[in-house]
Protein backbone atom coordinates (compact mmCIF):
# COMPACT_ATOMS: atom_id res chain seq x y z
CA UNK A 1 0.00 0.00 0.00
CA UNK A 2 1.20 3.50 -0.82
CA UNK A 3 0.09 6.55 1.12
CA UNK A 4 0.47 9.81 -0.77
CA UNK A 5 0.59 12.71 1.63
CA UNK A 6 2.21 15.82 2.98
CA UNK A 7 3.21 15.89 6.63
CA UNK A 8 2.16 19.55 6.76
CA UNK A 9 -1.41 18.28 6.54
CA UNK A 10 -3.23 17.07 9.62
CA UNK A 11 -5.48 15.00 7.38
CA UNK A 12 -2.45 13.18 5.99
CA UNK A 13 -1.01 12.67 9.46
CA UNK A 14 -4.26 11.05 10.60
CA UNK A 15 -3.77 8.37 7.95
CA UNK A 16 -0.09 7.92 8.79
CA UNK A 17 -0.82 7.60 12.51
CA UNK A 18 -3.54 4.99 11.94
CA UNK A 19 -1.16 2.97 9.74
CA UNK A 20 1.59 3.25 12.34
CA UNK A 21 -0.70 2.43 15.28
CA UNK A 22 -2.05 -0.66 13.54
CA UNK A 23 1.41 -1.63 12.20
CA UNK A 24 0.06 -1.69 8.64
CA UNK A 25 2.77 -2.02 6.00
CA UNK A 26 2.88 1.04 3.75
CA UNK A 27 5.17 3.22 1.73
CA UNK A 28 4.87 6.95 2.37
CA UNK A 29 5.03 8.94 -0.86
CA UNK A 30 5.79 12.55 0.03
CA UNK A 31 3.69 15.03 -1.92
CA UNK A 32 4.59 18.69 -1.49
CA UNK A 33 1.36 20.65 -1.63
CA UNK A 34 3.24 23.96 -1.58
CA UNK A 35 4.95 22.93 -4.81
CA UNK A 36 1.55 22.00 -6.24
CA UNK A 37 2.55 18.36 -6.71
CA UNK A 38 -1.13 17.46 -6.30
CA UNK A 39 -1.68 19.05 -9.71
CA UNK A 40 0.64 16.74 -11.63
CA UNK A 41 -0.90 14.48 -14.25
CA UNK A 42 0.20 11.37 -12.31
CA UNK A 43 -1.33 12.59 -9.06
CA UNK A 44 -4.59 13.61 -10.73
CA UNK A 45 -4.86 10.03 -12.03
CA UNK A 46 -4.93 8.93 -8.38
CA UNK A 47 -7.38 11.60 -7.25
CA UNK A 48 -9.08 13.92 -9.71
CA UNK A 49 -9.84 16.33 -6.86
CA UNK A 50 -6.09 16.93 -6.48
CA UNK A 51 -6.11 16.50 -2.71
CA UNK A 52 -4.04 14.57 -0.24
CA UNK A 53 -4.13 12.08 1.35
CA UNK A 54 -4.67 9.29 -1.15
CA UNK A 55 -4.04 5.61 -0.57
CA UNK A 56 -3.17 3.35 -3.48
CA UNK A 57 -3.69 -0.29 -2.64
CA UNK A 58 -1.59 -3.08 -4.07
CA UNK A 59 -4.41 -4.04 -6.44
CA UNK A 60 -4.43 -0.51 -7.95
CA UNK A 61 -7.58 0.77 -6.28
CA UNK A 62 -7.36 4.19 -4.67
CA UNK A 63 -9.16 5.83 -1.78
CA UNK A 64 -9.16 9.52 -0.88
CA UNK A 65 -10.54 11.62 1.99
CA UNK A 66 -8.78 11.09 5.29
CA UNK A 67 -11.79 9.99 7.30
CA UNK A 68 -12.88 7.47 4.67
CA UNK A 69 -9.32 6.14 4.59
CA UNK A 70 -8.92 5.80 8.35
CA UNK A 71 -12.36 4.21 8.71
CA UNK A 72 -11.44 1.68 6.02
CA UNK A 73 -7.98 0.92 7.39
CA UNK A 74 -9.19 0.62 10.99
CA UNK A 75 -12.16 -1.65 10.29
CA UNK A 76 -12.14 -4.62 12.63
CA UNK A 77 -9.62 -3.00 14.98
CA UNK A 78 -10.06 -1.51 18.40
CA UNK A 79 -9.97 1.97 16.88
CA UNK A 80 -13.58 1.61 15.72
CA UNK A 81 -16.15 0.71 18.35
CA UNK A 82 -17.99 -2.56 17.79
CA UNK A 83 -21.22 -1.06 19.10
CA UNK A 84 -23.03 0.62 16.16
CA UNK A 85 -24.15 3.63 18.21
CA UNK A 86 -20.66 4.17 19.64
CA UNK A 87 -19.28 3.93 16.09
CA UNK A 88 -21.83 6.53 14.99
CA UNK A 89 -20.72 8.79 17.85
CA UNK A 90 -17.15 8.42 16.58
CA UNK A 91 -18.36 9.39 13.10
CA UNK A 92 -20.11 12.38 14.65
CA UNK A 93 -16.72 13.66 15.83
CA UNK A 94 -15.06 12.88 12.49
CA UNK A 95 -17.75 14.82 10.62
CA UNK A 96 -17.51 17.71 13.10
CA UNK A 97 -13.76 17.83 12.60
CA UNK A 98 -14.08 18.08 8.83
CA UNK A 99 -16.99 20.53 8.89
CA UNK A 100 -16.02 22.82 11.79
CA UNK A 101 -12.31 22.38 12.50
CA UNK A 102 -10.79 21.84 9.08
CA UNK A 103 -12.28 24.81 7.18
CA UNK A 104 -11.60 27.27 9.98
CA UNK A 105 -8.80 26.33 12.38
CA UNK A 106 -6.73 24.12 10.06
CA UNK A 107 -6.95 26.55 7.13
CA UNK A 108 -5.87 29.50 9.30
CA UNK A 109 -3.02 27.44 10.79
CA UNK A 110 -1.83 26.46 7.32
CA UNK A 111 -1.95 30.02 6.05
CA UNK A 112 0.00 31.38 9.01
CA UNK A 113 2.57 28.61 9.52
CA UNK A 114 3.24 27.41 5.99
CA UNK A 115 2.34 30.42 3.85
CA UNK A 116 3.72 32.94 6.36
CA UNK A 117 0.64 35.14 6.40
CA UNK A 118 0.10 37.37 9.43
CA UNK A 119 -3.00 36.85 11.54
CA UNK A 120 -4.28 40.22 10.34
CA UNK A 121 -4.57 38.79 6.80
CA UNK A 122 -6.78 35.87 7.81
CA UNK A 123 -10.40 35.76 6.76
CA UNK A 124 -12.26 37.19 9.79
CA UNK A 125 -15.15 34.77 9.21
CA UNK A 126 -12.78 31.78 9.41
CA UNK A 127 -11.26 33.17 12.60
CA UNK A 128 -14.73 33.65 14.13
CA UNK A 129 -15.75 30.13 13.08
CA UNK A 130 -12.51 28.77 14.53
CA UNK A 131 -13.18 30.32 17.92
CA UNK A 132 -16.75 29.03 17.77
CA UNK A 133 -15.53 25.51 17.03
C-alpha atoms as a PDB file:
ATOM      1  CA  UNK A   1       0.000   0.000   0.000  1.00  0.00           C
ATOM      2  CA  UNK A   2       1.202   3.501  -0.822  1.00  0.00           C
ATOM      3  CA  UNK A   3       0.091   6.548   1.121  1.00  0.00           C
ATOM      4  CA  UNK A   4       0.468   9.815  -0.773  1.00  0.00           C
ATOM      5  CA  UNK A   5       0.587  12.707   1.626  1.00  0.00           C
ATOM      6  CA  UNK A   6       2.208  15.819   2.984  1.00  0.00           C
ATOM      7  CA  UNK A   7       3.209  15.887   6.634  1.00  0.00           C
ATOM      8  CA  UNK A   8       2.159  19.550   6.765  1.00  0.00           C
ATOM      9  CA  UNK A   9      -1.414  18.283   6.536  1.00  0.00           C
ATOM     10  CA  UNK A  10      -3.226  17.071   9.615  1.00  0.00           C
ATOM     11  CA  UNK A  11      -5.479  14.996   7.378  1.00  0.00           C
ATOM     12  CA  UNK A  12      -2.447  13.177   5.989  1.00  0.00           C
ATOM     13  CA  UNK A  13      -1.008  12.672   9.458  1.00  0.00           C
ATOM     14  CA  UNK A  14      -4.264  11.047  10.599  1.00  0.00           C
ATOM     15  CA  UNK A  15      -3.769   8.366   7.951  1.00  0.00           C
ATOM     16  CA  UNK A  16      -0.086   7.925   8.790  1.00  0.00           C
ATOM     17  CA  UNK A  17      -0.819   7.600  12.508  1.00  0.00           C
ATOM     18  CA  UNK A  18      -3.542   4.988  11.943  1.00  0.00           C
ATOM     19  CA  UNK A  19      -1.156   2.973   9.743  1.00  0.00           C
ATOM     20  CA  UNK A  20       1.592   3.253  12.339  1.00  0.00           C
ATOM     21  CA  UNK A  21      -0.698   2.426  15.282  1.00  0.00           C
ATOM     22  CA  UNK A  22      -2.052  -0.658  13.538  1.00  0.00           C
ATOM     23  CA  UNK A  23       1.409  -1.629  12.196  1.00  0.00           C
ATOM     24  CA  UNK A  24       0.063  -1.687   8.640  1.00  0.00           C
ATOM     25  CA  UNK A  25       2.772  -2.019   5.999  1.00  0.00           C
ATOM     26  CA  UNK A  26       2.875   1.038   3.748  1.00  0.00           C
ATOM     27  CA  UNK A  27       5.171   3.223   1.731  1.00  0.00           C
ATOM     28  CA  UNK A  28       4.867   6.949   2.370  1.00  0.00           C
ATOM     29  CA  UNK A  29       5.032   8.939  -0.862  1.00  0.00           C
ATOM     30  CA  UNK A  30       5.793  12.550   0.034  1.00  0.00           C
ATOM     31  CA  UNK A  31       3.693  15.031  -1.924  1.00  0.00           C
ATOM     32  CA  UNK A  32       4.588  18.693  -1.486  1.00  0.00           C
ATOM     33  CA  UNK A  33       1.355  20.647  -1.631  1.00  0.00           C
ATOM     34  CA  UNK A  34       3.240  23.964  -1.584  1.00  0.00           C
ATOM     35  CA  UNK A  35       4.953  22.934  -4.814  1.00  0.00           C
ATOM     36  CA  UNK A  36       1.552  21.999  -6.242  1.00  0.00           C
ATOM     37  CA  UNK A  37       2.553  18.363  -6.714  1.00  0.00           C
ATOM     38  CA  UNK A  38      -1.127  17.461  -6.298  1.00  0.00           C
ATOM     39  CA  UNK A  39      -1.683  19.051  -9.706  1.00  0.00           C
ATOM     40  CA  UNK A  40       0.640  16.743 -11.631  1.00  0.00           C
ATOM     41  CA  UNK A  41      -0.904  14.477 -14.248  1.00  0.00           C
ATOM     42  CA  UNK A  42       0.195  11.374 -12.309  1.00  0.00           C
ATOM     43  CA  UNK A  43      -1.326  12.587  -9.062  1.00  0.00           C
ATOM     44  CA  UNK A  44      -4.589  13.608 -10.725  1.00  0.00           C
ATOM     45  CA  UNK A  45      -4.864  10.029 -12.027  1.00  0.00           C
ATOM     46  CA  UNK A  46      -4.928   8.925  -8.378  1.00  0.00           C
ATOM     47  CA  UNK A  47      -7.380  11.601  -7.247  1.00  0.00           C
ATOM     48  CA  UNK A  48      -9.076  13.920  -9.712  1.00  0.00           C
ATOM     49  CA  UNK A  49      -9.838  16.328  -6.863  1.00  0.00           C
ATOM     50  CA  UNK A  50      -6.087  16.925  -6.478  1.00  0.00           C
ATOM     51  CA  UNK A  51      -6.108  16.502  -2.714  1.00  0.00           C
ATOM     52  CA  UNK A  52      -4.042  14.567  -0.235  1.00  0.00           C
ATOM     53  CA  UNK A  53      -4.130  12.080   1.351  1.00  0.00           C
ATOM     54  CA  UNK A  54      -4.673   9.293  -1.147  1.00  0.00           C
ATOM     55  CA  UNK A  55      -4.042   5.607  -0.567  1.00  0.00           C
ATOM     56  CA  UNK A  56      -3.171   3.352  -3.477  1.00  0.00           C
ATOM     57  CA  UNK A  57      -3.688  -0.290  -2.635  1.00  0.00           C
ATOM     58  CA  UNK A  58      -1.586  -3.078  -4.065  1.00  0.00           C
ATOM     59  CA  UNK A  59      -4.412  -4.035  -6.441  1.00  0.00           C
ATOM     60  CA  UNK A  60      -4.428  -0.513  -7.947  1.00  0.00           C
ATOM     61  CA  UNK A  61      -7.583   0.768  -6.275  1.00  0.00           C
ATOM     62  CA  UNK A  62      -7.363   4.194  -4.671  1.00  0.00           C
ATOM     63  CA  UNK A  63      -9.159   5.826  -1.784  1.00  0.00           C
ATOM     64  CA  UNK A  64      -9.160   9.516  -0.876  1.00  0.00           C
ATOM     65  CA  UNK A  65     -10.543  11.623   1.987  1.00  0.00           C
ATOM     66  CA  UNK A  66      -8.779  11.091   5.288  1.00  0.00           C
ATOM     67  CA  UNK A  67     -11.792   9.987   7.302  1.00  0.00           C
ATOM     68  CA  UNK A  68     -12.876   7.470   4.669  1.00  0.00           C
ATOM     69  CA  UNK A  69      -9.317   6.144   4.594  1.00  0.00           C
ATOM     70  CA  UNK A  70      -8.916   5.805   8.348  1.00  0.00           C
ATOM     71  CA  UNK A  71     -12.362   4.213   8.714  1.00  0.00           C
ATOM     72  CA  UNK A  72     -11.444   1.682   6.022  1.00  0.00           C
ATOM     73  CA  UNK A  73      -7.977   0.923   7.391  1.00  0.00           C
ATOM     74  CA  UNK A  74      -9.191   0.617  10.985  1.00  0.00           C
ATOM     75  CA  UNK A  75     -12.162  -1.652  10.287  1.00  0.00           C
ATOM     76  CA  UNK A  76     -12.136  -4.617  12.626  1.00  0.00           C
ATOM     77  CA  UNK A  77      -9.621  -2.998  14.977  1.00  0.00           C
ATOM     78  CA  UNK A  78     -10.062  -1.510  18.402  1.00  0.00           C
ATOM     79  CA  UNK A  79      -9.973   1.970  16.878  1.00  0.00           C
ATOM     80  CA  UNK A  80     -13.576   1.606  15.723  1.00  0.00           C
ATOM     81  CA  UNK A  81     -16.152   0.712  18.353  1.00  0.00           C
ATOM     82  CA  UNK A  82     -17.988  -2.556  17.788  1.00  0.00           C
ATOM     83  CA  UNK A  83     -21.218  -1.060  19.104  1.00  0.00           C
ATOM     84  CA  UNK A  84     -23.027   0.619  16.163  1.00  0.00           C
ATOM     85  CA  UNK A  85     -24.147   3.626  18.211  1.00  0.00           C
ATOM     86  CA  UNK A  86     -20.662   4.174  19.638  1.00  0.00           C
ATOM     87  CA  UNK A  87     -19.278   3.934  16.088  1.00  0.00           C
ATOM     88  CA  UNK A  88     -21.833   6.530  14.986  1.00  0.00           C
ATOM     89  CA  UNK A  89     -20.716   8.790  17.846  1.00  0.00           C
ATOM     90  CA  UNK A  90     -17.149   8.415  16.576  1.00  0.00           C
ATOM     91  CA  UNK A  91     -18.357   9.387  13.105  1.00  0.00           C
ATOM     92  CA  UNK A  92     -20.106  12.379  14.652  1.00  0.00           C
ATOM     93  CA  UNK A  93     -16.723  13.659  15.826  1.00  0.00           C
ATOM     94  CA  UNK A  94     -15.058  12.880  12.485  1.00  0.00           C
ATOM     95  CA  UNK A  95     -17.751  14.817  10.620  1.00  0.00           C
ATOM     96  CA  UNK A  96     -17.512  17.709  13.097  1.00  0.00           C
ATOM     97  CA  UNK A  97     -13.756  17.827  12.600  1.00  0.00           C
ATOM     98  CA  UNK A  98     -14.083  18.079   8.830  1.00  0.00           C
ATOM     99  CA  UNK A  99     -16.988  20.532   8.895  1.00  0.00           C
ATOM    100  CA  UNK A 100     -16.017  22.815  11.792  1.00  0.00           C
ATOM    101  CA  UNK A 101     -12.312  22.385  12.500  1.00  0.00           C
ATOM    102  CA  UNK A 102     -10.794  21.843   9.076  1.00  0.00           C
ATOM    103  CA  UNK A 103     -12.282  24.811   7.177  1.00  0.00           C
ATOM    104  CA  UNK A 104     -11.600  27.272   9.981  1.00  0.00           C
ATOM    105  CA  UNK A 105      -8.797  26.326  12.376  1.00  0.00           C
ATOM    106  CA  UNK A 106      -6.729  24.124  10.064  1.00  0.00           C
ATOM    107  CA  UNK A 107      -6.954  26.548   7.133  1.00  0.00           C
ATOM    108  CA  UNK A 108      -5.867  29.499   9.300  1.00  0.00           C
ATOM    109  CA  UNK A 109      -3.024  27.444  10.790  1.00  0.00           C
ATOM    110  CA  UNK A 110      -1.827  26.456   7.322  1.00  0.00           C
ATOM    111  CA  UNK A 111      -1.947  30.024   6.049  1.00  0.00           C
ATOM    112  CA  UNK A 112       0.002  31.379   9.011  1.00  0.00           C
ATOM    113  CA  UNK A 113       2.569  28.615   9.523  1.00  0.00           C
ATOM    114  CA  UNK A 114       3.239  27.415   5.986  1.00  0.00           C
ATOM    115  CA  UNK A 115       2.338  30.416   3.851  1.00  0.00           C
ATOM    116  CA  UNK A 116       3.720  32.943   6.357  1.00  0.00           C
ATOM    117  CA  UNK A 117       0.639  35.138   6.396  1.00  0.00           C
ATOM    118  CA  UNK A 118       0.104  37.372   9.434  1.00  0.00           C
ATOM    119  CA  UNK A 119      -3.001  36.849  11.545  1.00  0.00           C
ATOM    120  CA  UNK A 120      -4.281  40.217  10.344  1.00  0.00           C
ATOM    121  CA  UNK A 121      -4.567  38.790   6.800  1.00  0.00           C
ATOM    122  CA  UNK A 122      -6.780  35.873   7.814  1.00  0.00           C
ATOM    123  CA  UNK A 123     -10.405  35.761   6.760  1.00  0.00           C
ATOM    124  CA  UNK A 124     -12.262  37.188   9.790  1.00  0.00           C
ATOM    125  CA  UNK A 125     -15.152  34.766   9.214  1.00  0.00           C
ATOM    126  CA  UNK A 126     -12.780  31.776   9.405  1.00  0.00           C
ATOM    127  CA  UNK A 127     -11.258  33.172  12.604  1.00  0.00           C
ATOM    128  CA  UNK A 128     -14.729  33.647  14.134  1.00  0.00           C
ATOM    129  CA  UNK A 129     -15.749  30.126  13.083  1.00  0.00           C
ATOM    130  CA  UNK A 130     -12.505  28.769  14.529  1.00  0.00           C
ATOM    131  CA  UNK A 131     -13.184  30.320  17.917  1.00  0.00           C
ATOM    132  CA  UNK A 132     -16.745  29.031  17.769  1.00  0.00           C
ATOM    133  CA  UNK A 133     -15.534  25.506  17.030  1.00  0.00           C
END
